[in-house]
Amino acid sequence: KVPLKKWYRATSEILPEWKVYLNKIEGNLPFVIQEVVKAKVPNMTPKMWITQVEKVEKISDKQVKLYLQIFTGRTHQIRYHLSSHWLPIVWDYLYWKEDKQAMQLTAYRLEFQNPYWHHDTMTPMTPQPVLFCFSKRGYPPYLPIHFCALTRKIMRAN
């Protein structure tokens, strides 16, 4: 059982010679990219990386929007998987083209066990990028801001 499930949205470039791979993904949804990777950072120990492409939306002839879920949370996992499979993220300065604009990769859904009622799960869903809170009160850094506020309300009520 995964304690924290994460879904992301990425806009990727499509070059003509890479359309074959995109067609392979679209014909086999959900498409799982699973491989042992020896990362450059933060350590070089080979580990299994698993990313699932759940949905593909064509934006234009040159770009697609991919909806992804990750099952392992490795540093640069989505960026590496997409670029190494010929679908680099738009404005990814490390794995594609350097640009001053924001990289087109955002978390849009998190699912985790409710810390107060362990039989419940909490699933924030938002069309906007998820904003994260970092609190001195000990909230985990992955809780979205509106859930930190909800958690504080629940704590005050009890």
Protein backbone atom coordinates (compact mmCIF):
# COMPACT_ATOMS: atom_id res chain seq x y z
CA LYS A 1 0.00 0.00 0.00
CA VAL A 2 1.46 3.35 -1.06
CA PRO A 3 1.13 5.93 1.78
CA LEU A 4 1.14 8.87 -0.64
CA LYS A 5 -0.15 8.63 -4.20
CA LYS A 6 0.88 11.40 -6.61
CA TRP A 7 -0.48 12.50 -9.98
CA TYR A 8 1.18 15.03 -12.28
CA ARG A 9 0.41 16.90 -15.47
CA ALA A 10 3.20 17.61 -17.97
CA THR A 11 3.27 19.35 -21.34
CA SER A 12 5.73 17.65 -23.68
CA GLU A 13 7.27 18.50 -27.03
CA ILE A 14 6.61 16.23 -30.01
CA LEU A 15 9.14 16.06 -32.79
CA PRO A 16 8.15 14.26 -36.03
CA GLU A 17 10.61 11.40 -35.54
CA TRP A 18 9.25 10.77 -32.01
CA LYS A 19 5.59 10.36 -32.97
CA VAL A 20 6.06 6.57 -33.25
CA TYR A 21 6.74 6.33 -29.52
CA LEU A 22 3.80 8.60 -28.68
CA ASN A 23 1.52 6.38 -30.80
CA LYS A 24 2.79 3.36 -28.84
CA ILE A 25 1.86 5.08 -25.56
CA GLU A 26 -1.57 6.21 -26.78
CA GLY A 27 -2.41 2.70 -28.02
CA ASN A 28 -1.57 1.09 -24.66
CA LEU A 29 -3.03 3.37 -21.95
CA PRO A 30 -2.38 3.19 -19.08
CA PHE A 31 1.23 2.89 -20.24
CA VAL A 32 3.86 1.99 -17.64
CA ILE A 33 7.47 3.10 -17.95
CA GLN A 34 9.46 0.86 -15.61
CA GLU A 35 13.24 0.62 -15.57
CA VAL A 36 16.27 0.44 -13.33
CA VAL A 37 18.06 3.80 -13.51
CA LYS A 38 21.45 4.86 -12.23
CA ALA A 39 20.80 8.51 -11.41
CA LYS A 40 23.39 11.27 -11.60
CA VAL A 41 21.99 13.01 -8.52
CA PRO A 42 21.64 12.72 -5.51
CA ASN A 43 23.28 9.27 -5.40
CA MET A 44 24.40 6.79 -8.02
CA THR A 45 22.84 3.58 -6.67
CA PRO A 46 20.70 1.94 -9.40
CA LYS A 47 17.00 1.86 -8.39
CA MET A 48 13.68 0.92 -9.98
CA TRP A 49 11.72 3.90 -11.35
CA ILE A 50 8.02 3.44 -12.23
CA THR A 51 5.88 6.09 -13.98
CA GLN A 52 2.45 5.46 -15.47
CA VAL A 53 1.03 7.55 -18.32
CA GLU A 54 -2.73 7.58 -17.72
CA LYS A 55 -4.02 10.02 -20.33
CA VAL A 56 -2.70 11.90 -23.37
CA GLU A 57 -4.29 15.11 -24.69
CA LYS A 58 -3.09 16.63 -27.94
CA ILE A 59 -2.59 20.39 -27.60
CA SER A 60 -1.14 21.02 -31.05
CA ASP A 61 0.96 19.25 -33.69
CA LYS A 62 4.01 20.03 -31.56
CA GLN A 63 2.79 19.47 -27.99
CA VAL A 64 0.80 17.02 -25.86
CA LYS A 65 -0.38 17.13 -22.28
CA LEU A 66 0.36 13.95 -20.33
CA TYR A 67 -1.38 12.89 -17.13
CA LEU A 68 0.94 10.74 -15.04
CA GLN A 69 1.05 8.83 -11.80
CA ILE A 70 4.33 7.92 -10.16
CA PHE A 71 4.76 4.79 -8.07
CA THR A 72 8.33 5.53 -6.99
CA GLY A 73 9.34 9.03 -5.97
CA ARG A 74 12.85 9.41 -7.34
CA THR A 75 14.59 12.74 -7.94
CA HIS A 76 13.85 13.93 -11.52
CA GLN A 77 11.88 10.73 -12.20
CA ILE A 78 9.22 12.22 -14.50
CA ARG A 79 11.68 14.56 -16.21
CA TYR A 80 14.10 11.70 -16.90
CA HIS A 81 11.44 9.21 -18.02
CA LEU A 82 9.79 11.57 -20.47
CA SER A 83 13.01 12.96 -21.96
CA SER A 84 14.61 9.52 -22.30
CA HIS A 85 11.45 8.29 -24.06
CA TRP A 86 11.43 11.17 -26.58
CA LEU A 87 8.79 13.32 -24.85
CA PRO A 88 10.76 16.11 -23.14
CA ILE A 89 8.85 18.50 -20.88
CA VAL A 90 8.39 22.00 -22.30
CA TRP A 91 11.01 24.42 -20.92
CA ASP A 92 12.83 21.74 -18.91
CA TYR A 93 16.21 23.47 -18.53
CA LEU A 94 18.02 20.30 -17.43
CA TYR A 95 16.66 17.61 -19.78
CA TRP A 96 15.57 19.65 -22.80
CA LYS A 97 15.95 23.34 -23.68
CA GLU A 98 17.01 26.04 -21.29
CA ASP A 99 14.48 28.84 -21.03
CA LYS A 100 13.48 31.47 -18.48
CA GLN A 101 9.86 30.32 -18.49
CA ALA A 102 8.48 27.87 -15.95
CA MET A 103 8.83 24.18 -16.72
CA GLN A 104 5.44 22.70 -17.65
CA LEU A 105 5.19 20.05 -14.91
CA THR A 106 2.73 20.35 -12.01
CA ALA A 107 1.24 18.12 -9.36
CA TYR A 108 -2.54 18.15 -9.64
CA ARG A 109 -3.68 15.41 -7.27
CA LEU A 110 -2.39 13.83 -4.05
CA GLU A 111 -3.98 11.02 -2.08
CA PHE A 112 -2.85 10.11 1.40
CA GLN A 113 -4.15 8.62 4.59
CA ASN A 114 -5.95 11.05 6.86
CA PRO A 115 -3.53 11.58 9.79
CA TYR A 116 -6.38 11.78 12.32
CA TRP A 117 -8.80 9.11 11.09
CA HIS A 118 -6.62 6.36 9.64
CA HIS A 119 -9.48 4.63 7.79
CA ASP A 120 -10.03 7.74 5.60
CA THR A 121 -8.05 9.06 2.67
CA MET A 122 -7.79 12.71 1.66
CA THR A 123 -7.70 13.58 -2.04
CA PRO A 124 -7.19 17.22 -2.96
CA MET A 125 -7.84 17.81 -6.66
CA THR A 126 -7.21 21.13 -8.33
CA PRO A 127 -6.87 22.46 -11.89
CA GLN A 128 -4.18 24.82 -10.58
CA PRO A 129 -0.66 23.77 -9.55
CA VAL A 130 -0.59 22.46 -6.00
CA LEU A 131 1.02 24.89 -3.56
CA PHE A 132 2.90 23.29 -0.71
CA CYS A 133 3.18 24.42 2.89
CA PHE A 134 6.24 24.17 5.06
CA SER A 135 5.26 24.72 8.66
CA LYS A 136 7.21 24.87 11.89
CA ARG A 137 4.30 23.02 13.52
CA GLY A 138 5.43 19.74 12.00
CA TYR A 139 3.04 19.37 9.06
CA PRO A 140 4.53 17.17 6.36
CA PRO A 141 5.94 19.31 3.51
CA TYR A 142 3.75 17.58 0.91
CA LEU A 143 0.38 18.81 2.23
CA PRO A 144 -1.21 21.46 0.02
CA ILE A 145 -1.85 24.81 1.71
CA HIS A 146 -5.64 24.42 1.82
CA PHE A 147 -5.19 21.05 3.59
CA CYS A 148 -2.83 22.59 6.13
CA ALA A 149 -5.57 25.11 6.93
CA LEU A 150 -8.15 22.30 7.16
CA THR A 151 -5.87 20.32 9.46
CA ARG A 152 -5.39 23.33 11.76
CA LYS A 153 -9.21 23.78 11.95
CA ILE A 154 -9.66 20.10 12.87
CA MET A 155 -6.95 20.32 15.54
CA ARG A 156 -8.52 23.43 17.11
CA ALA A 157 -11.96 21.75 17.18
CA ASN A 158 -10.65 18.74 19.12
